[in-house]
């Protein structure tokens, strides 16, 4: 590789790393409740829900780990469980879990 190719690769890696950090901890973190959207009810459901990965009871109001799939918010006991869910969410979503984890007042066209 010549110097220009290495320079281009370096910039690509820097921008890619910045994009990852922003999606994980910055602008993309709105999925974890850190950013509000106008017109949406961002209240978390009261009571405990089950972590779809390990089955542990989780209080949505006190957890930082959450993920959204098809308009449903799933809450997790840890970032580790959330990461496992994000890698293979279909493995952990069942029709009953989908309904249990739905945010109150956060229905996208459902009655």
PDB file of N, CA and C in Angstrom:
ATOM      1  N   UNK A   1       0.838  -1.180   0.000  1.00  0.00           N
ATOM      2  CA  UNK A   1       0.000   0.000   0.000  1.00  0.00           C
ATOM      3  C   UNK A   1       0.884   1.245   0.000  1.00  0.00           C
ATOM      4  N   UNK A   2       0.463   2.203  -0.736  1.00  0.00           N
ATOM      5  CA  UNK A   2       1.206   3.458  -0.764  1.00  0.00           C
ATOM      6  C   UNK A   2       0.716   4.372   0.368  1.00  0.00           C
ATOM      7  N   UNK A   3       1.378   5.485   0.550  1.00  0.00           N
ATOM      8  CA  UNK A   3       1.081   6.396   1.651  1.00  0.00           C
ATOM      9  C   UNK A   3      -0.333   6.976   1.538  1.00  0.00           C
ATOM     10  N   UNK A   4      -0.771   7.281   0.336  1.00  0.00           N
ATOM     11  CA  UNK A   4      -2.104   7.857   0.152  1.00  0.00           C
ATOM     12  C   UNK A   4      -3.193   6.856   0.537  1.00  0.00           C
ATOM     13  N   UNK A   5      -3.011   5.586   0.194  1.00  0.00           N
ATOM     14  CA  UNK A   5      -3.980   4.547   0.560  1.00  0.00           C
ATOM     15  C   UNK A   5      -4.046   4.381   2.068  1.00  0.00           C
ATOM     16  N   UNK A   6      -2.888   4.393   2.738  1.00  0.00           N
ATOM     17  CA  UNK A   6      -2.868   4.276   4.197  1.00  0.00           C
ATOM     18  C   UNK A   6      -3.546   5.482   4.851  1.00  0.00           C
ATOM     19  N   UNK A   7      -3.331   6.644   4.307  1.00  0.00           N
ATOM     20  CA  UNK A   7      -3.965   7.847   4.832  1.00  0.00           C
ATOM     21  C   UNK A   7      -5.486   7.742   4.691  1.00  0.00           C
ATOM     22  N   UNK A   8      -5.956   7.293   3.531  1.00  0.00           N
ATOM     23  CA  UNK A   8      -7.399   7.127   3.304  1.00  0.00           C
ATOM     24  C   UNK A   8      -7.982   6.085   4.253  1.00  0.00           C
ATOM     25  N   UNK A   9      -7.274   4.985   4.431  1.00  0.00           N
ATOM     26  CA  UNK A   9      -7.733   3.940   5.345  1.00  0.00           C
ATOM     27  C   UNK A   9      -7.787   4.478   6.771  1.00  0.00           C
ATOM     28  N   UNK A  10      -6.797   5.238   7.163  1.00  0.00           N
ATOM     29  CA  UNK A  10      -6.776   5.827   8.495  1.00  0.00           C
ATOM     30  C   UNK A  10      -7.972   6.727   8.749  1.00  0.00           C
ATOM     31  N   UNK A  11      -8.276   7.610   7.775  1.00  0.00           N
ATOM     32  CA  UNK A  11      -9.435   8.485   7.919  1.00  0.00           C
ATOM     33  C   UNK A  11     -10.739   7.683   7.970  1.00  0.00           C
ATOM     34  N   UNK A  12     -10.816   6.653   7.161  1.00  0.00           N
ATOM     35  CA  UNK A  12     -12.008   5.798   7.166  1.00  0.00           C
ATOM     36  C   UNK A  12     -12.206   5.179   8.547  1.00  0.00           C
ATOM     37  N   UNK A  13     -11.137   4.672   9.145  1.00  0.00           N
ATOM     38  CA  UNK A  13     -11.230   4.065  10.477  1.00  0.00           C
ATOM     39  C   UNK A  13     -11.588   5.099  11.538  1.00  0.00           C
ATOM     40  N   UNK A  14     -11.034   6.279  11.437  1.00  0.00           N
ATOM     41  CA  UNK A  14     -11.354   7.334  12.408  1.00  0.00           C
ATOM     42  C   UNK A  14     -12.831   7.705  12.324  1.00  0.00           C
ATOM     43  N   UNK A  15     -13.344   7.943  11.109  1.00  0.00           N
ATOM     44  CA  UNK A  15     -14.754   8.298  10.956  1.00  0.00           C
ATOM     45  C   UNK A  15     -15.673   7.143  11.343  1.00  0.00           C
ATOM     46  N   UNK A  16     -15.258   5.924  11.003  1.00  0.00           N
ATOM     47  CA  UNK A  16     -16.049   4.759  11.399  1.00  0.00           C
ATOM     48  C   UNK A  16     -16.122   4.626  12.914  1.00  0.00           C
ATOM     49  N   UNK A  17     -14.986   4.861  13.585  1.00  0.00           N
ATOM     50  CA  UNK A  17     -14.964   4.805  15.042  1.00  0.00           C
ATOM     51  C   UNK A  17     -15.831   5.889  15.658  1.00  0.00           C
ATOM     52  N   UNK A  18     -15.776   7.082  15.096  1.00  0.00           N
ATOM     53  CA  UNK A  18     -16.606   8.178  15.592  1.00  0.00           C
ATOM     54  C   UNK A  18     -18.090   7.857  15.407  1.00  0.00           C
ATOM     55  N   UNK A  19     -18.441   7.316  14.261  1.00  0.00           N
ATOM     56  CA  UNK A  19     -19.823   6.919  14.002  1.00  0.00           C
ATOM     57  C   UNK A  19     -20.285   5.889  15.033  1.00  0.00           C
ATOM     58  N   UNK A  20     -19.458   4.885  15.300  1.00  0.00           N
ATOM     59  CA  UNK A  20     -19.796   3.846  16.281  1.00  0.00           C
ATOM     60  C   UNK A  20     -20.032   4.465  17.656  1.00  0.00           C
ATOM     61  N   UNK A  21     -19.126   5.320  18.098  1.00  0.00           N
ATOM     62  CA  UNK A  21     -19.247   5.929  19.419  1.00  0.00           C
ATOM     63  C   UNK A  21     -20.516   6.772  19.513  1.00  0.00           C
ATOM     64  N   UNK A  22     -20.805   7.549  18.480  1.00  0.00           N
ATOM     65  CA  UNK A  22     -22.008   8.382  18.508  1.00  0.00           C
ATOM     66  C   UNK A  22     -23.283   7.545  18.523  1.00  0.00           C
ATOM     67  N   UNK A  23     -23.314   6.468  17.766  1.00  0.00           N
ATOM     68  CA  UNK A  23     -24.504   5.622  17.750  1.00  0.00           C
ATOM     69  C   UNK A  23     -24.661   4.863  19.061  1.00  0.00           C
ATOM     70  N   UNK A  24     -23.568   4.496  19.664  1.00  0.00           N
ATOM     71  CA  UNK A  24     -23.621   3.708  20.891  1.00  0.00           C
ATOM     72  C   UNK A  24     -23.906   4.579  22.114  1.00  0.00           C
ATOM     73  N   UNK A  25     -23.271   5.743  22.195  1.00  0.00           N
ATOM     74  CA  UNK A  25     -23.355   6.552  23.400  1.00  0.00           C
ATOM     75  C   UNK A  25     -23.941   7.951  23.182  1.00  0.00           C
ATOM     76  N   UNK A  26     -24.027   8.392  21.954  1.00  0.00           N
ATOM     77  CA  UNK A  26     -24.488   9.754  21.685  1.00  0.00           C
ATOM     78  C   UNK A  26     -25.875   9.785  21.097  1.00  0.00           C
ATOM     79  N   UNK A  27     -25.961  10.212  19.848  1.00  0.00           N
ATOM     80  CA  UNK A  27     -27.247  10.381  19.177  1.00  0.00           C
ATOM     81  C   UNK A  27     -28.041   9.079  19.112  1.00  0.00           C
ATOM     82  N   UNK A  28     -27.386   7.963  18.901  1.00  0.00           N
ATOM     83  CA  UNK A  28     -28.078   6.679  18.821  1.00  0.00           C
ATOM     84  C   UNK A  28     -28.569   6.190  20.165  1.00  0.00           C
ATOM     85  N   UNK A  29     -28.103   6.816  21.254  1.00  0.00           N
ATOM     86  CA  UNK A  29     -28.497   6.387  22.590  1.00  0.00           C
ATOM     87  C   UNK A  29     -29.944   6.740  22.910  1.00  0.00           C
ATOM     88  N   UNK A  30     -30.621   7.477  22.014  1.00  0.00           N
ATOM     89  CA  UNK A  30     -32.013   7.827  22.287  1.00  0.00           C
ATOM     90  C   UNK A  30     -32.885   6.598  22.436  1.00  0.00           C
ATOM     91  N   UNK A  31     -32.450   5.478  21.899  1.00  0.00           N
ATOM     92  CA  UNK A  31     -33.230   4.246  22.041  1.00  0.00           C
ATOM     93  C   UNK A  31     -33.193   3.748  23.481  1.00  0.00           C
ATOM     94  N   UNK A  32     -32.256   4.258  24.264  1.00  0.00           N
ATOM     95  CA  UNK A  32     -32.152   3.848  25.652  1.00  0.00           C
ATOM     96  C   UNK A  32     -32.849   4.836  26.586  1.00  0.00           C
ATOM     97  N   UNK A  33     -33.660   5.736  26.024  1.00  0.00           N
ATOM     98  CA  UNK A  33     -34.430   6.660  26.833  1.00  0.00           C
ATOM     99  C   UNK A  33     -33.743   7.986  27.077  1.00  0.00           C
ATOM    100  N   UNK A  34     -32.613   8.240  26.439  1.00  0.00           N
ATOM    101  CA  UNK A  34     -31.884   9.467  26.678  1.00  0.00           C
ATOM    102  C   UNK A  34     -32.259  10.601  25.738  1.00  0.00           C
ATOM    103  N   UNK A  35     -33.215  10.403  24.865  1.00  0.00           N
ATOM    104  CA  UNK A  35     -33.572  11.410  23.877  1.00  0.00           C
ATOM    105  C   UNK A  35     -35.064  11.284  23.626  1.00  0.00           C
ATOM    106  N   UNK A  36     -35.760  12.387  23.648  1.00  0.00           N
ATOM    107  CA  UNK A  36     -37.206  12.288  23.461  1.00  0.00           C
ATOM    108  C   UNK A  36     -37.592  12.717  22.055  1.00  0.00           C
ATOM    109  N   UNK A  37     -38.665  12.160  21.576  1.00  0.00           N
ATOM    110  CA  UNK A  37     -39.235  12.509  20.279  1.00  0.00           C
ATOM    111  C   UNK A  37     -40.565  13.185  20.532  1.00  0.00           C
ATOM    112  N   UNK A  38     -40.825  14.276  19.870  1.00  0.00           N
ATOM    113  CA  UNK A  38     -42.099  14.947  20.024  1.00  0.00           C
ATOM    114  C   UNK A  38     -43.243  14.043  19.614  1.00  0.00           C
ATOM    115  N   UNK A  39     -44.317  14.040  20.391  1.00  0.00           N
ATOM    116  CA  UNK A  39     -45.492  13.256  20.041  1.00  0.00           C
ATOM    117  C   UNK A  39     -45.482  11.848  20.577  1.00  0.00           C
ATOM    118  N   UNK A  40     -44.407  11.416  21.198  1.00  0.00           N
ATOM    119  CA  UNK A  40     -44.355  10.077  21.767  1.00  0.00           C
ATOM    120  C   UNK A  40     -44.441  10.177  23.274  1.00  0.00           C
ATOM    121  N   UNK A  41     -45.084   9.216  23.878  1.00  0.00           N
ATOM    122  CA  UNK A  41     -45.133   9.131  25.330  1.00  0.00           C
ATOM    123  C   UNK A  41     -43.929   8.314  25.765  1.00  0.00           C
ATOM    124  N   UNK A  42     -42.959   8.953  26.384  1.00  0.00           N
ATOM    125  CA  UNK A  42     -41.713   8.282  26.744  1.00  0.00           C
ATOM    126  C   UNK A  42     -41.713   7.713  28.148  1.00  0.00           C
ATOM    127  N   UNK A  43     -42.887   7.559  28.763  1.00  0.00           N
ATOM    128  CA  UNK A  43     -42.922   6.984  30.094  1.00  0.00           C
ATOM    129  C   UNK A  43     -42.638   5.500  30.010  1.00  0.00           C
ATOM    130  N   UNK A  44     -41.916   5.023  31.011  1.00  0.00           N
ATOM    131  CA  UNK A  44     -41.609   3.595  31.069  1.00  0.00           C
ATOM    132  C   UNK A  44     -42.727   2.907  31.836  1.00  0.00           C
ATOM    133  N   UNK A  45     -43.021   1.652  31.497  1.00  0.00           N
ATOM    134  CA  UNK A  45     -44.097   0.951  32.189  1.00  0.00           C
ATOM    135  C   UNK A  45     -43.780   0.767  33.664  1.00  0.00           C
ATOM    136  N   UNK A  46     -44.839   0.777  34.483  1.00  0.00           N
ATOM    137  CA  UNK A  46     -44.636   0.547  35.905  1.00  0.00           C
ATOM    138  C   UNK A  46     -44.576  -0.953  36.159  1.00  0.00           C
ATOM    139  N   UNK A  47     -43.919  -1.326  37.232  1.00  0.00           N
ATOM    140  CA  UNK A  47     -43.785  -2.736  37.568  1.00  0.00           C
ATOM    141  C   UNK A  47     -42.618  -3.367  36.847  1.00  0.00           C
ATOM    142  N   UNK A  48     -42.358  -4.600  37.190  1.00  0.00           N
ATOM    143  CA  UNK A  48     -41.226  -5.313  36.602  1.00  0.00           C
ATOM    144  C   UNK A  48     -41.608  -6.002  35.309  1.00  0.00           C
ATOM    145  N   UNK A  49     -40.627  -6.128  34.430  1.00  0.00           N
ATOM    146  CA  UNK A  49     -40.749  -6.934  33.221  1.00  0.00           C
ATOM    147  C   UNK A  49     -39.618  -7.947  33.257  1.00  0.00           C
ATOM    148  N   UNK A  50     -39.686  -8.937  32.405  1.00  0.00           N
ATOM    149  CA  UNK A  50     -38.634  -9.955  32.364  1.00  0.00           C
ATOM    150  C   UNK A  50     -37.618  -9.626  31.285  1.00  0.00           C
ATOM    151  N   UNK A  51     -36.350  -9.804  31.638  1.00  0.00           N
ATOM    152  CA  UNK A  51     -35.264  -9.713  30.669  1.00  0.00           C
ATOM    153  C   UNK A  51     -35.459 -10.879  29.704  1.00  0.00           C
ATOM    154  N   UNK A  52     -35.635 -10.618  28.394  1.00  0.00           N
ATOM    155  CA  UNK A  52     -35.909 -11.708  27.453  1.00  0.00           C
ATOM    156  C   UNK A  52     -34.723 -12.658  27.268  1.00  0.00           C
ATOM    157  N   UNK A  53     -33.525 -12.263  27.672  1.00  0.00           N
ATOM    158  CA  UNK A  53     -32.349 -13.110  27.496  1.00  0.00           C
ATOM    159  C   UNK A  53     -32.178 -14.073  28.668  1.00  0.00           C
ATOM    160  N   UNK A  54     -32.141 -13.537  29.907  1.00  0.00           N
ATOM    161  CA  UNK A  54     -31.859 -14.386  31.070  1.00  0.00           C
ATOM    162  C   UNK A  54     -33.093 -14.682  31.911  1.00  0.00           C
ATOM    163  N   UNK A  55     -34.211 -13.965  31.673  1.00  0.00           N
ATOM    164  CA  UNK A  55     -35.438 -14.205  32.419  1.00  0.00           C
ATOM    165  C   UNK A  55     -35.513 -13.491  33.759  1.00  0.00           C
ATOM    166  N   UNK A  56     -34.507 -12.707  34.089  1.00  0.00           N
ATOM    167  CA  UNK A  56     -34.475 -11.995  35.362  1.00  0.00           C
ATOM    168  C   UNK A  56     -35.520 -10.873  35.362  1.00  0.00           C
ATOM    169  N   UNK A  57     -36.145 -10.614  36.519  1.00  0.00           N
ATOM    170  CA  UNK A  57     -37.075  -9.489  36.638  1.00  0.00           C
ATOM    171  C   UNK A  57     -36.293  -8.190  36.591  1.00  0.00           C
ATOM    172  N   UNK A  58     -36.802  -7.233  35.811  1.00  0.00           N
ATOM    173  CA  UNK A  58     -36.133  -5.954  35.612  1.00  0.00           C
ATOM    174  C   UNK A  58     -37.144  -4.832  35.851  1.00  0.00           C
ATOM    175  N   UNK A  59     -36.732  -3.808  36.594  1.00  0.00           N
ATOM    176  CA  UNK A  59     -37.565  -2.631  36.784  1.00  0.00           C
ATOM    177  C   UNK A  59     -37.224  -1.636  35.677  1.00  0.00           C
ATOM    178  N   UNK A  60     -38.114  -1.401  34.726  1.00  0.00           N
ATOM    179  CA  UNK A  60     -37.817  -0.511  33.597  1.00  0.00           C
ATOM    180  C   UNK A  60     -37.409   0.896  34.010  1.00  0.00           C
ATOM    181  N   UNK A  61     -37.879   1.352  35.168  1.00  0.00           N
ATOM    182  CA  UNK A  61     -37.542   2.702  35.606  1.00  0.00           C
ATOM    183  C   UNK A  61     -36.115   2.810  36.130  1.00  0.00           C
ATOM    184  N   UNK A  62     -35.491   1.689  36.469  1.00  0.00           N
ATOM    185  CA  UNK A  62     -34.150   1.725  37.056  1.00  0.00           C
ATOM    186  C   UNK A  62     -33.081   1.070  36.199  1.00  0.00           C
ATOM    187  N   UNK A  63     -33.417   0.670  34.988  1.00  0.00           N
ATOM    188  CA  UNK A  63     -32.417   0.032  34.141  1.00  0.00           C
ATOM    189  C   UNK A  63     -31.957   0.985  33.043  1.00  0.00           C
ATOM    190  N   UNK A  64     -30.709   0.871  32.673  1.00  0.00           N
ATOM    191  CA  UNK A  64     -30.159   1.680  31.582  1.00  0.00           C
ATOM    192  C   UNK A  64     -30.128   0.882  30.283  1.00  0.00           C
ATOM    193  N   UNK A  65     -30.293  -0.437  30.377  1.00  0.00           N
ATOM    194  CA  UNK A  65     -30.170  -1.301  29.205  1.00  0.00           C
ATOM    195  C   UNK A  65     -31.549  -1.582  28.614  1.00  0.00           C
ATOM    196  N   UNK A  66     -31.742  -1.157  27.359  1.00  0.00           N
ATOM    197  CA  UNK A  66     -33.001  -1.380  26.663  1.00  0.00           C
ATOM    198  C   UNK A  66     -32.731  -1.431  25.168  1.00  0.00           C
ATOM    199  N   UNK A  67     -33.634  -2.057  24.440  1.00  0.00           N
ATOM    200  CA  UNK A  67     -33.539  -2.107  22.982  1.00  0.00           C
ATOM    201  C   UNK A  67     -34.953  -2.064  22.413  1.00  0.00           C
ATOM    202  N   UNK A  68     -35.098  -1.493  21.234  1.00  0.00           N
ATOM    203  CA  UNK A  68     -36.400  -1.382  20.579  1.00  0.00           C
ATOM    204  C   UNK A  68     -36.414  -2.264  19.347  1.00  0.00           C
ATOM    205  N   UNK A  69     -37.430  -3.101  19.234  1.00  0.00           N
ATOM    206  CA  UNK A  69     -37.635  -3.939  18.053  1.00  0.00           C
ATOM    207  C   UNK A  69     -39.086  -3.821  17.655  1.00  0.00           C
ATOM    208  N   UNK A  70     -39.338  -3.405  16.406  1.00  0.00           N
ATOM    209  CA  UNK A  70     -40.685  -3.307  15.849  1.00  0.00           C
ATOM    210  C   UNK A  70     -41.627  -2.509  16.749  1.00  0.00           C
ATOM    211  N   UNK A  71     -41.136  -1.409  17.304  1.00  0.00           N
ATOM    212  CA  UNK A  71     -41.967  -0.549  18.132  1.00  0.00           C
ATOM    213  C   UNK A  71     -42.132  -1.011  19.563  1.00  0.00           C
ATOM    214  N   UNK A  72     -41.498  -2.108  19.949  1.00  0.00           N
ATOM    215  CA  UNK A  72     -41.586  -2.634  21.302  1.00  0.00           C
ATOM    216  C   UNK A  72     -40.254  -2.416  22.005  1.00  0.00           C
ATOM    217  N   UNK A  73     -40.318  -1.917  23.235  1.00  0.00           N
ATOM    218  CA  UNK A  73     -39.105  -1.724  24.016  1.00  0.00           C
ATOM    219  C   UNK A  73     -38.909  -2.915  24.937  1.00  0.00           C
ATOM    220  N   UNK A  74     -37.721  -3.502  24.877  1.00  0.00           N
ATOM    221  CA  UNK A  74     -37.339  -4.607  25.741  1.00  0.00           C
ATOM    222  C   UNK A  74     -36.307  -4.093  26.732  1.00  0.00           C
ATOM    223  N   UNK A  75     -36.448  -4.474  28.006  1.00  0.00           N
ATOM    224  CA  UNK A  75     -35.552  -4.024  29.061  1.00  0.00           C
ATOM    225  C   UNK A  75     -34.689  -5.190  29.537  1.00  0.00           C
ATOM    226  N   UNK A  76     -33.450  -4.870  29.928  1.00  0.00           N
ATOM    227  CA  UNK A  76     -32.469  -5.898  30.265  1.00  0.00           C
ATOM    228  C   UNK A  76     -31.816  -5.614  31.609  1.00  0.00           C
ATOM    229  N   UNK A  77     -31.330  -6.686  32.248  1.00  0.00           N
ATOM    230  CA  UNK A  77     -30.667  -6.547  33.539  1.00  0.00           C
ATOM    231  C   UNK A  77     -29.264  -5.966  33.381  1.00  0.00           C
ATOM    232  N   UNK A  78     -28.672  -6.108  32.201  1.00  0.00           N
ATOM    233  CA  UNK A  78     -27.303  -5.640  31.987  1.00  0.00           C
ATOM    234  C   UNK A  78     -27.067  -5.335  30.511  1.00  0.00           C
ATOM    235  N   UNK A  79     -25.987  -4.616  30.245  1.00  0.00           N
ATOM    236  CA  UNK A  79     -25.599  -4.351  28.862  1.00  0.00           C
ATOM    237  C   UNK A  79     -25.228  -5.641  28.147  1.00  0.00           C
ATOM    238  N   UNK A  80     -24.710  -6.601  28.885  1.00  0.00           N
ATOM    239  CA  UNK A  80     -24.332  -7.891  28.290  1.00  0.00           C
ATOM    240  C   UNK A  80     -25.558  -8.600  27.709  1.00  0.00           C
ATOM    241  N   UNK A  81     -26.637  -8.636  28.480  1.00  0.00           N
ATOM    242  CA  UNK A  81     -27.870  -9.266  27.976  1.00  0.00           C
ATOM    243  C   UNK A  81     -28.419  -8.489  26.787  1.00  0.00           C
ATOM    244  N   UNK A  82     -28.362  -7.141  26.850  1.00  0.00           N
ATOM    245  CA  UNK A  82     -28.842  -6.341  25.723  1.00  0.00           C
ATOM    246  C   UNK A  82     -28.017  -6.638  24.474  1.00  0.00           C
ATOM    247  N   UNK A  83     -26.691  -6.755  24.628  1.00  0.00           N
ATOM    248  CA  UNK A  83     -25.834  -7.027  23.474  1.00  0.00           C
ATOM    249  C   UNK A  83     -26.144  -8.393  22.867  1.00  0.00           C
ATOM    250  N   UNK A  84     -26.391  -9.403  23.706  1.00  0.00           N
ATOM    251  CA  UNK A  84     -26.774 -10.729  23.195  1.00  0.00           C
ATOM    252  C   UNK A  84     -28.086 -10.635  22.421  1.00  0.00           C
ATOM    253  N   UNK A  85     -29.041  -9.879  22.956  1.00  0.00           N
ATOM    254  CA  UNK A  85     -30.336  -9.693  22.302  1.00  0.00           C
ATOM    255  C   UNK A  85     -30.168  -9.007  20.952  1.00  0.00           C
ATOM    256  N   UNK A  86     -29.333  -7.973  20.904  1.00  0.00           N
ATOM    257  CA  UNK A  86     -29.141  -7.234  19.653  1.00  0.00           C
ATOM    258  C   UNK A  86     -28.486  -8.086  18.580  1.00  0.00           C
ATOM    259  N   UNK A  87     -27.675  -9.059  18.974  1.00  0.00           N
ATOM    260  CA  UNK A  87     -27.023  -9.929  17.995  1.00  0.00           C
ATOM    261  C   UNK A  87     -27.984 -10.962  17.423  1.00  0.00           C
ATOM    262  N   UNK A  88     -28.979 -11.383  18.192  1.00  0.00           N
ATOM    263  CA  UNK A  88     -29.917 -12.412  17.723  1.00  0.00           C
ATOM    264  C   UNK A  88     -31.287 -12.190  18.351  1.00  0.00           C
ATOM    265  N   UNK A  89     -31.915 -11.059  18.060  1.00  0.00           N
ATOM    266  CA  UNK A  89     -33.174 -10.714  18.726  1.00  0.00           C
ATOM    267  C   UNK A  89     -34.297 -11.710  18.434  1.00  0.00           C
ATOM    268  N   UNK A  90     -34.340 -12.264  17.237  1.00  0.00           N
ATOM    269  CA  UNK A  90     -35.413 -13.208  16.888  1.00  0.00           C
ATOM    270  C   UNK A  90     -35.391 -14.438  17.796  1.00  0.00           C
ATOM    271  N   UNK A  91     -34.224 -14.795  18.262  1.00  0.00           N
ATOM    272  CA  UNK A  91     -34.072 -15.951  19.154  1.00  0.00           C
ATOM    273  C   UNK A  91     -34.784 -15.722  20.491  1.00  0.00           C
ATOM    274  N   UNK A  92     -34.854 -14.465  20.930  1.00  0.00           N
ATOM    275  CA  UNK A  92     -35.385 -14.153  22.251  1.00  0.00           C
ATOM    276  C   UNK A  92     -36.801 -13.597  22.248  1.00  0.00           C
ATOM    277  N   UNK A  93     -37.325 -13.237  21.084  1.00  0.00           N
ATOM    278  CA  UNK A  93     -38.661 -12.652  21.023  1.00  0.00           C
ATOM    279  C   UNK A  93     -39.686 -13.740  20.771  1.00  0.00           C
ATOM    280  N   UNK A  94     -40.646 -13.839  21.682  1.00  0.00           N
ATOM    281  CA  UNK A  94     -41.784 -14.734  21.486  1.00  0.00           C
ATOM    282  C   UNK A  94     -43.028 -13.864  21.452  1.00  0.00           C
ATOM    283  N   UNK A  95     -44.132 -14.350  20.900  1.00  0.00           N
ATOM    284  CA  UNK A  95     -45.341 -13.524  20.847  1.00  0.00           C
ATOM    285  C   UNK A  95     -45.778 -13.028  22.226  1.00  0.00           C
ATOM    286  N   UNK A  96     -45.648 -13.850  23.270  1.00  0.00           N
ATOM    287  CA  UNK A  96     -46.065 -13.415  24.600  1.00  0.00           C
ATOM    288  C   UNK A  96     -45.104 -12.380  25.162  1.00  0.00           C
ATOM    289  N   UNK A  97     -43.808 -12.538  24.930  1.00  0.00           N
ATOM    290  CA  UNK A  97     -42.832 -11.562  25.414  1.00  0.00           C
ATOM    291  C   UNK A  97     -43.022 -10.234  24.698  1.00  0.00           C
ATOM    292  N   UNK A  98     -43.388 -10.289  23.429  1.00  0.00           N
ATOM    293  CA  UNK A  98     -43.589  -9.073  22.644  1.00  0.00           C
ATOM    294  C   UNK A  98     -44.692  -8.227  23.275  1.00  0.00           C
ATOM    295  N   UNK A  99     -45.768  -8.849  23.688  1.00  0.00           N
ATOM    296  CA  UNK A  99     -46.869  -8.122  24.306  1.00  0.00           C
ATOM    297  C   UNK A  99     -46.545  -7.636  25.700  1.00  0.00           C
ATOM    298  N   UNK A 100     -45.802  -8.417  26.480  1.00  0.00           N
ATOM    299  CA  UNK A 100     -45.478  -8.054  27.850  1.00  0.00           C
ATOM    300  C   UNK A 100     -44.549  -6.857  27.913  1.00  0.00           C
ATOM    301  N   UNK A 101     -43.664  -6.710  26.941  1.00  0.00           N
ATOM    302  CA  UNK A 101     -42.639  -5.688  26.992  1.00  0.00           C
ATOM    303  C   UNK A 101     -43.092  -4.370  26.381  1.00  0.00           C
ATOM    304  N   UNK A 102     -44.271  -4.311  25.782  1.00  0.00           N
ATOM    305  CA  UNK A 102     -44.734  -3.106  25.094  1.00  0.00           C
ATOM    306  C   UNK A 102     -44.815  -1.941  26.065  1.00  0.00           C
ATOM    307  N   UNK A 103     -44.296  -0.798  25.645  1.00  0.00           N
ATOM    308  CA  UNK A 103     -44.389   0.398  26.479  1.00  0.00           C
ATOM    309  C   UNK A 103     -45.834   0.844  26.541  1.00  0.00           C
ATOM    310  N   UNK A 104     -46.257   1.304  27.719  1.00  0.00           N
ATOM    311  CA  UNK A 104     -47.593   1.839  27.859  1.00  0.00           C
ATOM    312  C   UNK A 104     -47.692   3.123  27.050  1.00  0.00           C
ATOM    313  N   UNK A 105     -48.740   3.281  26.273  1.00  0.00           N
ATOM    314  CA  UNK A 105     -48.943   4.492  25.512  1.00  0.00           C
ATOM    315  C   UNK A 105     -48.031   4.626  24.314  1.00  0.00           C
ATOM    316  N   UNK A 106     -47.331   3.591  23.943  1.00  0.00           N
ATOM    317  CA  UNK A 106     -46.366   3.662  22.845  1.00  0.00           C
ATOM    318  C   UNK A 106     -46.754   2.650  21.776  1.00  0.00           C
ATOM    319  N   UNK A 107     -47.958   2.788  21.271  1.00  0.00           N
ATOM    320  CA  UNK A 107     -48.487   1.856  20.291  1.00  0.00           C
ATOM    321  C   UNK A 107     -48.434   2.505  18.919  1.00  0.00           C
ATOM    322  N   UNK A 108     -47.773   1.883  17.993  1.00  0.00           N
ATOM    323  CA  UNK A 108     -47.659   2.409  16.642  1.00  0.00           C
ATOM    324  C   UNK A 108     -48.750   1.827  15.783  1.00  0.00           C
ATOM    325  N   UNK A 109     -49.929   2.432  15.812  1.00  0.00           N
ATOM    326  CA  UNK A 109     -51.038   1.997  14.975  1.00  0.00           C
ATOM    327  C   UNK A 109     -51.759   0.788  15.516  1.00  0.00           C
ATOM    328  N   UNK A 110     -51.459   0.360  16.723  1.00  0.00           N
ATOM    329  CA  UNK A 110     -52.129  -0.792  17.299  1.00  0.00           C
ATOM    330  C   UNK A 110     -53.217  -0.314  18.260  1.00  0.00           C
ATOM    331  N   UNK A 111     -54.256  -1.134  18.423  1.00  0.00           N
ATOM    332  CA  UNK A 111     -55.315  -0.757  19.365  1.00  0.00           C
ATOM    333  C   UNK A 111     -55.318  -1.679  20.542  1.00  0.00           C
TER     334      UNK A 111
END
